[in-house]
PDB file of all heavy atoms in Angstrom:
ATOM      1  N   PRO A   1     106.947 105.954  97.953  1.00  0.00           N
ATOM      2  CA  PRO A   1     106.453 104.589  98.150  1.00  0.00           C
ATOM      3  C   PRO A   1     106.871 103.656  97.014  1.00  0.00           C
ATOM      4  O   PRO A   1     106.755 104.002  95.829  1.00  0.00           O
ATOM      5  CB  PRO A   1     104.935 104.772  98.190  1.00  0.00           C
ATOM      6  CG  PRO A   1     104.735 106.168  98.680  1.00  0.00           C
ATOM      7  CD  PRO A   1     105.851 106.958  98.055  1.00  0.00           C
ATOM      8  N   GLY A   2     107.365 102.492  97.384  1.00  0.00           N
ATOM      9  CA  GLY A   2     107.701 101.472  96.398  1.00  0.00           C
ATOM     10  C   GLY A   2     109.028 101.651  95.703  1.00  0.00           C
ATOM     11  O   GLY A   2     109.408 100.825  94.854  1.00  0.00           O
ATOM     12  N   MET A   3     109.776 102.693  96.033  1.00  0.00           N
ATOM     13  CA  MET A   3     111.055 102.967  95.371  1.00  0.00           C
ATOM     14  C   MET A   3     112.194 102.217  96.067  1.00  0.00           C
ATOM     15  O   MET A   3     112.444 102.407  97.259  1.00  0.00           O
ATOM     16  CB  MET A   3     111.349 104.465  95.389  1.00  0.00           C
ATOM     17  CG  MET A   3     112.653 104.883  94.726  1.00  0.00           C
ATOM     18  SD  MET A   3     112.631 104.762  92.909  1.00  0.00           S
ATOM     19  CE  MET A   3     111.545 106.141  92.498  1.00  0.00           C
ATOM     20  N   THR A   4     112.880 101.349  95.330  1.00  0.00           N
ATOM     21  CA  THR A   4     114.087 100.706  95.831  1.00  0.00           C
ATOM     22  C   THR A   4     115.239 101.698  95.723  1.00  0.00           C
ATOM     23  O   THR A   4     115.349 102.407  94.719  1.00  0.00           O
ATOM     24  CB  THR A   4     114.399  99.437  95.021  1.00  0.00           C
ATOM     25  OG1 THR A   4     113.346  98.489  95.213  1.00  0.00           O
ATOM     26  CG2 THR A   4     115.713  98.802  95.444  1.00  0.00           C
ATOM     27  N   VAL A   5     116.097 101.765  96.740  1.00  0.00           N
ATOM     28  CA  VAL A   5     117.196 102.736  96.749  1.00  0.00           C
ATOM     29  C   VAL A   5     118.509 102.010  97.046  1.00  0.00           C
ATOM     30  O   VAL A   5     118.643 101.348  98.079  1.00  0.00           O
ATOM     31  CB  VAL A   5     116.952 103.839  97.806  1.00  0.00           C
ATOM     32  CG1 VAL A   5     118.107 104.845  97.800  1.00  0.00           C
ATOM     33  CG2 VAL A   5     115.625 104.553  97.541  1.00  0.00           C
ATOM     34  N   VAL A   6     119.462 102.150  96.131  1.00  0.00           N
ATOM     35  CA  VAL A   6     120.703 101.383  96.200  1.00  0.00           C
ATOM     36  C   VAL A   6     121.909 102.318  96.053  1.00  0.00           C
ATOM     37  O   VAL A   6     121.892 103.245  95.242  1.00  0.00           O
ATOM     38  CB  VAL A   6     120.735 100.304  95.084  1.00  0.00           C
ATOM     39  CG1 VAL A   6     122.083  99.606  95.028  1.00  0.00           C
ATOM     40  CG2 VAL A   6     119.623  99.290  95.301  1.00  0.00           C
ATOM     41  N   ASN A   7     122.968 102.048  96.831  1.00  0.00           N
ATOM     42  CA  ASN A   7     124.184 102.866  96.815  1.00  0.00           C
ATOM     43  C   ASN A   7     125.405 101.951  96.870  1.00  0.00           C
ATOM     44  O   ASN A   7     125.917 101.658  97.957  1.00  0.00           O
ATOM     45  CB  ASN A   7     124.159 103.834  98.013  1.00  0.00           C
ATOM     46  CG  ASN A   7     125.275 104.850  97.969  1.00  0.00           C
ATOM     47  OD1 ASN A   7     125.831 105.148  96.919  1.00  0.00           O
ATOM     48  ND2 ASN A   7     125.604 105.400  99.126  1.00  0.00           N
ATOM     49  N   PRO A   8     125.907 101.494  95.724  1.00  0.00           N
ATOM     50  CA  PRO A   8     127.021 100.530  95.711  1.00  0.00           C
ATOM     51  C   PRO A   8     128.318 101.114  96.243  1.00  0.00           C
ATOM     52  O   PRO A   8     128.583 102.316  96.110  1.00  0.00           O
ATOM     53  CB  PRO A   8     127.158 100.177  94.226  1.00  0.00           C
ATOM     54  CG  PRO A   8     125.888 100.622  93.579  1.00  0.00           C
ATOM     55  CD  PRO A   8     125.423 101.793  94.367  1.00  0.00           C
ATOM     56  N   ALA A   9     129.152 100.233  96.793  1.00  0.00           N
ATOM     57  CA  ALA A   9     130.417 100.655  97.400  1.00  0.00           C
ATOM     58  C   ALA A   9     131.585 100.609  96.429  1.00  0.00           C
ATOM     59  O   ALA A   9     132.553 101.349  96.586  1.00  0.00           O
ATOM     60  CB  ALA A   9     130.731  99.778  98.606  1.00  0.00           C
ATOM     61  N   ASP A  10     131.532  99.709  95.447  1.00  0.00           N
ATOM     62  CA  ASP A  10     132.641  99.597  94.502  1.00  0.00           C
ATOM     63  C   ASP A  10     132.122  99.074  93.166  1.00  0.00           C
ATOM     64  O   ASP A  10     130.915  98.874  92.986  1.00  0.00           O
ATOM     65  CB  ASP A  10     133.763  98.721  95.058  1.00  0.00           C
ATOM     66  CG  ASP A  10     133.415  97.224  95.117  1.00  0.00           C
ATOM     67  OD1 ASP A  10     132.264  96.848  94.797  1.00  0.00           O
ATOM     68  OD2 ASP A  10     134.308  96.430  95.491  1.00  0.00           O
ATOM     69  N   ALA A  11     133.048  98.859  92.228  1.00  0.00           N
ATOM     70  CA  ALA A  11     132.652  98.474  90.873  1.00  0.00           C
ATOM     71  C   ALA A  11     132.006  97.091  90.821  1.00  0.00           C
ATOM     72  O   ALA A  11     131.047  96.866  90.081  1.00  0.00           O
ATOM     73  CB  ALA A  11     133.869  98.509  89.947  1.00  0.00           C
ATOM     74  N   VAL A  12     132.521  96.159  91.606  1.00  0.00           N
ATOM     75  CA  VAL A  12     131.964  94.801  91.604  1.00  0.00           C
ATOM     76  C   VAL A  12     130.552  94.796  92.163  1.00  0.00           C
ATOM     77  O   VAL A  12     129.630  94.220  91.574  1.00  0.00           O
ATOM     78  CB  VAL A  12     132.863  93.837  92.411  1.00  0.00           C
ATOM     79  CG1 VAL A  12     132.192  92.479  92.571  1.00  0.00           C
ATOM     80  CG2 VAL A  12     134.209  93.671  91.720  1.00  0.00           C
ATOM     81  N   SER A  13     130.360  95.458  93.303  1.00  0.00           N
ATOM     82  CA  SER A  13     129.015  95.493  93.886  1.00  0.00           C
ATOM     83  C   SER A  13     128.068  96.292  93.019  1.00  0.00           C
ATOM     84  O   SER A  13     126.869  95.989  92.945  1.00  0.00           O
ATOM     85  CB  SER A  13     129.061  96.064  95.309  1.00  0.00           C
ATOM     86  OG  SER A  13     129.514  97.395  95.329  1.00  0.00           O
ATOM     87  N   ALA A  14     128.581  97.309  92.329  1.00  0.00           N
ATOM     88  CA  ALA A  14     127.730  98.091  91.430  1.00  0.00           C
ATOM     89  C   ALA A  14     127.143  97.198  90.339  1.00  0.00           C
ATOM     90  O   ALA A  14     125.937  97.235  90.072  1.00  0.00           O
ATOM     91  CB  ALA A  14     128.525  99.240  90.809  1.00  0.00           C
ATOM     92  N   GLU A  15     127.978  96.396  89.723  1.00  0.00           N
ATOM     93  CA  GLU A  15     127.493  95.518  88.652  1.00  0.00           C
ATOM     94  C   GLU A  15     126.481  94.507  89.189  1.00  0.00           C
ATOM     95  O   GLU A  15     125.424  94.283  88.583  1.00  0.00           O
ATOM     96  CB  GLU A  15     128.656  94.784  87.991  1.00  0.00           C
ATOM     97  CG  GLU A  15     128.193  93.856  86.873  1.00  0.00           C
ATOM     98  CD  GLU A  15     129.329  93.183  86.132  1.00  0.00           C
ATOM     99  OE1 GLU A  15     130.498  93.531  86.369  1.00  0.00           O
ATOM    100  OE2 GLU A  15     129.030  92.293  85.299  1.00  0.00           O
ATOM    101  N   LYS A  16     126.776  93.903  90.327  1.00  0.00           N
ATOM    102  CA  LYS A  16     125.871  92.892  90.873  1.00  0.00           C
ATOM    103  C   LYS A  16     124.536  93.507  91.288  1.00  0.00           C
ATOM    104  O   LYS A  16     123.456  92.935  91.041  1.00  0.00           O
ATOM    105  CB  LYS A  16     126.537  92.192  92.075  1.00  0.00           C
ATOM    106  CG  LYS A  16     127.671  91.254  91.698  1.00  0.00           C
ATOM    107  CD  LYS A  16     128.323  90.648  92.927  1.00  0.00           C
ATOM    108  CE  LYS A  16     129.440  89.685  92.558  1.00  0.00           C
ATOM    109  NZ  LYS A  16     128.929  88.404  92.032  1.00  0.00           N
ATOM    110  N   LEU A  17     124.581  94.672  91.911  1.00  0.00           N
ATOM    111  CA  LEU A  17     123.348  95.312  92.358  1.00  0.00           C
ATOM    112  C   LEU A  17     122.542  95.859  91.178  1.00  0.00           C
ATOM    113  O   LEU A  17     121.312  95.770  91.164  1.00  0.00           O
ATOM    114  CB  LEU A  17     123.671  96.423  93.349  1.00  0.00           C
ATOM    115  CG  LEU A  17     124.173  95.921  94.710  1.00  0.00           C
ATOM    116  CD1 LEU A  17     124.830  97.052  95.491  1.00  0.00           C
ATOM    117  CD2 LEU A  17     123.038  95.311  95.519  1.00  0.00           C
ATOM    118  N   LEU A  18     123.229  96.408  90.192  1.00  0.00           N
ATOM    119  CA  LEU A  18     122.529  96.872  88.995  1.00  0.00           C
ATOM    120  C   LEU A  18     121.822  95.720  88.291  1.00  0.00           C
ATOM    121  O   LEU A  18     120.689  95.862  87.829  1.00  0.00           O
ATOM    122  CB  LEU A  18     123.518  97.543  88.038  1.00  0.00           C
ATOM    123  CG  LEU A  18     123.925  98.970  88.391  1.00  0.00           C
ATOM    124  CD1 LEU A  18     125.225  99.346  87.682  1.00  0.00           C
ATOM    125  CD2 LEU A  18     122.804  99.947  88.022  1.00  0.00           C
ATOM    126  N   ASN A  19     122.492  94.582  88.232  1.00  0.00           N
ATOM    127  CA  ASN A  19     121.881  93.411  87.610  1.00  0.00           C
ATOM    128  C   ASN A  19     120.607  93.011  88.339  1.00  0.00           C
ATOM    129  O   ASN A  19     119.571  92.722  87.717  1.00  0.00           O
ATOM    130  CB  ASN A  19     122.870  92.251  87.600  1.00  0.00           C
ATOM    131  CG  ASN A  19     122.424  91.112  86.718  1.00  0.00           C
ATOM    132  OD1 ASN A  19     122.279  91.261  85.518  1.00  0.00           O
ATOM    133  ND2 ASN A  19     122.190  89.958  87.321  1.00  0.00           N
ATOM    134  N   ALA A  20     120.655  93.015  89.671  1.00  0.00           N
ATOM    135  CA  ALA A  20     119.475  92.664  90.461  1.00  0.00           C
ATOM    136  C   ALA A  20     118.371  93.697  90.298  1.00  0.00           C
ATOM    137  O   ALA A  20     117.188  93.358  90.182  1.00  0.00           O
ATOM    138  CB  ALA A  20     119.863  92.535  91.938  1.00  0.00           C
ATOM    139  N   VAL A  21     118.749  94.966  90.275  1.00  0.00           N
ATOM    140  CA  VAL A  21     117.770  96.041  90.137  1.00  0.00           C
ATOM    141  C   VAL A  21     117.059  95.965  88.792  1.00  0.00           C
ATOM    142  O   VAL A  21     115.823  96.076  88.714  1.00  0.00           O
ATOM    143  CB  VAL A  21     118.460  97.417  90.318  1.00  0.00           C
ATOM    144  CG1 VAL A  21     117.585  98.541  89.784  1.00  0.00           C
ATOM    145  CG2 VAL A  21     118.776  97.657  91.787  1.00  0.00           C
ATOM    146  N   VAL A  22     117.815  95.776  87.727  1.00  0.00           N
ATOM    147  CA  VAL A  22     117.214  95.723  86.391  1.00  0.00           C
ATOM    148  C   VAL A  22     116.276  94.527  86.251  1.00  0.00           C
ATOM    149  O   VAL A  22     115.240  94.607  85.579  1.00  0.00           O
ATOM    150  CB  VAL A  22     118.313  95.705  85.305  1.00  0.00           C
ATOM    151  CG1 VAL A  22     117.720  95.386  83.931  1.00  0.00           C
ATOM    152  CG2 VAL A  22     119.027  97.057  85.256  1.00  0.00           C
ATOM    153  N   ASP A  23     116.609  93.431  86.897  1.00  0.00           N
ATOM    154  CA  ASP A  23     115.784  92.222  86.795  1.00  0.00           C
ATOM    155  C   ASP A  23     114.645  92.190  87.811  1.00  0.00           C
ATOM    156  O   ASP A  23     113.878  91.227  87.843  1.00  0.00           O
ATOM    157  CB  ASP A  23     116.662  90.976  86.976  1.00  0.00           C
ATOM    158  CG  ASP A  23     117.514  90.695  85.749  1.00  0.00           C
ATOM    159  OD1 ASP A  23     117.222  91.260  84.678  1.00  0.00           O
ATOM    160  OD2 ASP A  23     118.482  89.922  85.862  1.00  0.00           O
ATOM    161  N   THR A  24     114.532  93.222  88.641  1.00  0.00           N
ATOM    162  CA  THR A  24     113.441  93.310  89.610  1.00  0.00           C
ATOM    163  C   THR A  24     112.421  94.331  89.116  1.00  0.00           C
ATOM    164  O   THR A  24     112.766  95.484  88.858  1.00  0.00           O
ATOM    165  CB  THR A  24     113.966  93.730  90.999  1.00  0.00           C
ATOM    166  OG1 THR A  24     114.934  92.765  91.444  1.00  0.00           O
ATOM    167  CG2 THR A  24     112.834  93.808  92.009  1.00  0.00           C
ATOM    168  N   GLU A  25     111.184  93.931  89.008  1.00  0.00           N
ATOM    169  CA  GLU A  25     110.135  94.810  88.487  1.00  0.00           C
ATOM    170  C   GLU A  25     109.891  95.980  89.436  1.00  0.00           C
ATOM    171  O   GLU A  25     109.844  95.817  90.654  1.00  0.00           O
ATOM    172  CB  GLU A  25     108.834  94.015  88.304  1.00  0.00           C
ATOM    173  CG  GLU A  25     107.724  94.766  87.593  1.00  0.00           C
ATOM    174  CD  GLU A  25     107.946  94.933  86.106  1.00  0.00           C
ATOM    175  OE1 GLU A  25     108.758  94.169  85.533  1.00  0.00           O
ATOM    176  OE2 GLU A  25     107.314  95.823  85.511  1.00  0.00           O
ATOM    177  N   GLY A  26     109.743  97.171  88.865  1.00  0.00           N
ATOM    178  CA  GLY A  26     109.383  98.331  89.661  1.00  0.00           C
ATOM    179  C   GLY A  26     110.441  99.413  89.652  1.00  0.00           C
ATOM    180  O   GLY A  26     111.561  99.222  89.181  1.00  0.00           O
ATOM    181  N   PRO A  27     110.099 100.588  90.191  1.00  0.00           N
ATOM    182  CA  PRO A  27     111.021 101.731  90.181  1.00  0.00           C
ATOM    183  C   PRO A  27     112.187 101.563  91.146  1.00  0.00           C
ATOM    184  O   PRO A  27     112.047 100.963  92.212  1.00  0.00           O
ATOM    185  CB  PRO A  27     110.132 102.908  90.594  1.00  0.00           C
ATOM    186  CG  PRO A  27     109.029 102.289  91.389  1.00  0.00           C
ATOM    187  CD  PRO A  27     108.794 100.935  90.793  1.00  0.00           C
ATOM    188  N   ALA A  28     113.330 102.111  90.757  1.00  0.00           N
ATOM    189  CA  ALA A  28     114.517 102.028  91.611  1.00  0.00           C
ATOM    190  C   ALA A  28     115.415 103.233  91.377  1.00  0.00           C
ATOM    191  O   ALA A  28     115.409 103.831  90.299  1.00  0.00           O
ATOM    192  CB  ALA A  28     115.295 100.742  91.342  1.00  0.00           C
ATOM    193  N   TYR A  29     116.176 103.561  92.405  1.00  0.00           N
ATOM    194  CA  TYR A  29     117.184 104.618  92.317  1.00  0.00           C
ATOM    195  C   TYR A  29     118.534 104.016  92.656  1.00  0.00           C
ATOM    196  O   TYR A  29     118.693 103.394  93.711  1.00  0.00           O
ATOM    197  CB  TYR A  29     116.867 105.756  93.291  1.00  0.00           C
ATOM    198  CG  TYR A  29     117.896 106.868  93.285  1.00  0.00           C
ATOM    199  CD1 TYR A  29     117.997 107.741  92.205  1.00  0.00           C
ATOM    200  CD2 TYR A  29     118.773 107.028  94.350  1.00  0.00           C
ATOM    201  CE1 TYR A  29     118.944 108.752  92.191  1.00  0.00           C
ATOM    202  CE2 TYR A  29     119.724 108.044  94.349  1.00  0.00           C
ATOM    203  CZ  TYR A  29     119.804 108.901  93.263  1.00  0.00           C
ATOM    204  OH  TYR A  29     120.754 109.907  93.254  1.00  0.00           O
ATOM    205  N   VAL A  30     119.512 104.199  91.774  1.00  0.00           N
ATOM    206  CA  VAL A  30     120.861 103.690  91.990  1.00  0.00           C
ATOM    207  C   VAL A  30     121.817 104.882  91.997  1.00  0.00           C
ATOM    208  O   VAL A  30     121.893 105.630  91.026  1.00  0.00           O
ATOM    209  CB  VAL A  30     121.281 102.686  90.902  1.00  0.00           C
ATOM    210  CG1 VAL A  30     122.688 102.149  91.189  1.00  0.00           C
ATOM    211  CG2 VAL A  30     120.282 101.536  90.815  1.00  0.00           C
ATOM    212  N   ARG A  31     122.531 105.043  93.093  1.00  0.00           N
ATOM    213  CA  ARG A  31     123.444 106.183  93.278  1.00  0.00           C
ATOM    214  C   ARG A  31     124.856 105.783  92.863  1.00  0.00           C
ATOM    215  O   ARG A  31     125.421 104.817  93.383  1.00  0.00           O
ATOM    216  CB  ARG A  31     123.424 106.605  94.745  1.00  0.00           C
ATOM    217  CG  ARG A  31     124.139 107.910  95.034  1.00  0.00           C
ATOM    218  CD  ARG A  31     124.144 108.176  96.541  1.00  0.00           C
ATOM    219  NE  ARG A  31     124.022 109.574  96.854  1.00  0.00           N
ATOM    220  CZ  ARG A  31     124.915 110.253  97.571  1.00  0.00           C
ATOM    221  NH1 ARG A  31     125.992 109.650  98.032  1.00  0.00           N
ATOM    222  NH2 ARG A  31     124.727 111.543  97.844  1.00  0.00           N
ATOM    223  N   LEU A  32     125.444 106.545  91.950  1.00  0.00           N
ATOM    224  CA  LEU A  32     126.760 106.228  91.408  1.00  0.00           C
ATOM    225  C   LEU A  32     127.691 107.428  91.529  1.00  0.00           C
ATOM    226  O   LEU A  32     127.235 108.578  91.538  1.00  0.00           O
ATOM    227  CB  LEU A  32     126.630 105.803  89.942  1.00  0.00           C
ATOM    228  CG  LEU A  32     125.691 104.611  89.705  1.00  0.00           C
ATOM    229  CD1 LEU A  32     125.266 104.535  88.251  1.00  0.00           C
ATOM    230  CD2 LEU A  32     126.369 103.314  90.143  1.00  0.00           C
ATOM    231  N   GLY A  33     129.002 107.174  91.595  1.00  0.00           N
ATOM    232  CA  GLY A  33     129.959 108.242  91.857  1.00  0.00           C
ATOM    233  C   GLY A  33     130.803 108.619  90.664  1.00  0.00           C
ATOM    234  O   GLY A  33     130.909 107.893  89.677  1.00  0.00           O
ATOM    235  N   ARG A  34     131.421 109.777  90.795  1.00  0.00           N
ATOM    236  CA  ARG A  34     132.320 110.292  89.759  1.00  0.00           C
ATOM    237  C   ARG A  34     133.731 109.737  89.898  1.00  0.00           C
ATOM    238  O   ARG A  34     134.357 109.357  88.914  1.00  0.00           O
ATOM    239  CB  ARG A  34     132.372 111.819  89.842  1.00  0.00           C
ATOM    240  CG  ARG A  34     133.355 112.461  88.869  1.00  0.00           C
ATOM    241  CD  ARG A  34     133.478 113.953  89.111  1.00  0.00           C
ATOM    242  NE  ARG A  34     134.215 114.618  88.043  1.00  0.00           N
ATOM    243  CZ  ARG A  34     134.460 115.925  88.012  1.00  0.00           C
ATOM    244  NH1 ARG A  34     134.024 116.697  88.999  1.00  0.00           N
ATOM    245  NH2 ARG A  34     135.131 116.455  87.012  1.00  0.00           N
ATOM    246  N   SER A  35     134.245 109.715  91.114  1.00  0.00           N
ATOM    247  CA  SER A  35     135.657 109.385  91.348  1.00  0.00           C
ATOM    248  C   SER A  35     135.886 107.879  91.472  1.00  0.00           C
ATOM    249  O   SER A  35     134.975 107.131  91.846  1.00  0.00           O
ATOM    250  CB  SER A  35     136.137 110.077  92.626  1.00  0.00           C
ATOM    251  OG  SER A  35     135.990 111.478  92.535  1.00  0.00           O
ATOM    252  N   GLY A  36     137.111 107.476  91.187  1.00  0.00           N
ATOM    253  CA  GLY A  36     137.476 106.088  91.376  1.00  0.00           C
ATOM    254  C   GLY A  36     137.485 105.722  92.852  1.00  0.00           C
ATOM    255  O   GLY A  36     137.899 106.526  93.691  1.00  0.00           O
ATOM    256  N   VAL A  37     137.001 104.522  93.174  1.00  0.00           N
ATOM    257  CA  VAL A  37     136.980 104.042  94.561  1.00  0.00           C
ATOM    258  C   VAL A  37     137.614 102.653  94.609  1.00  0.00           C
ATOM    259  O   VAL A  37     137.582 101.907  93.633  1.00  0.00           O
ATOM    260  CB  VAL A  37     135.536 103.992  95.127  1.00  0.00           C
ATOM    261  CG1 VAL A  37     134.994 105.393  95.311  1.00  0.00           C
ATOM    262  CG2 VAL A  37     134.607 103.198  94.207  1.00  0.00           C
ATOM    263  N   PRO A  38     138.204 102.284  95.754  1.00  0.00           N
ATOM    264  CA  PRO A  38     138.848 100.973  95.855  1.00  0.00           C
ATOM    265  C   PRO A  38     137.878  99.830  95.578  1.00  0.00           C
ATOM    266  O   PRO A  38     136.727  99.862  96.008  1.00  0.00           O
ATOM    267  CB  PRO A  38     139.325 100.936  97.317  1.00  0.00           C
ATOM    268  CG  PRO A  38     139.428 102.363  97.727  1.00  0.00           C
ATOM    269  CD  PRO A  38     138.340 103.076  96.991  1.00  0.00           C
ATOM    270  N   VAL A  39     138.368  98.824  94.870  1.00  0.00           N
ATOM    271  CA  VAL A  39     137.576  97.627  94.596  1.00  0.00           C
ATOM    272  C   VAL A  39     137.999  96.562  95.604  1.00  0.00           C
ATOM    273  O   VAL A  39     139.116  96.054  95.558  1.00  0.00           O
ATOM    274  CB  VAL A  39     137.808  97.111  93.160  1.00  0.00           C
ATOM    275  CG1 VAL A  39     137.000  95.839  92.918  1.00  0.00           C
ATOM    276  CG2 VAL A  39     137.423  98.187  92.145  1.00  0.00           C
TER     277      VAL A  39
END
C-alpha cells in the first residue's frame, strides 16, 4: 500500500522520473537496468 512503482525506458526518462520520485513524498520503487538501452 502506498508504494509508487516506476520502470523507466531509457536514460532521459530515468532522470525525469527519478526527479519526480525524489520530489514526491512517500515510498517508491524505481527499477533500473544493467545493460545499455536505446535513448
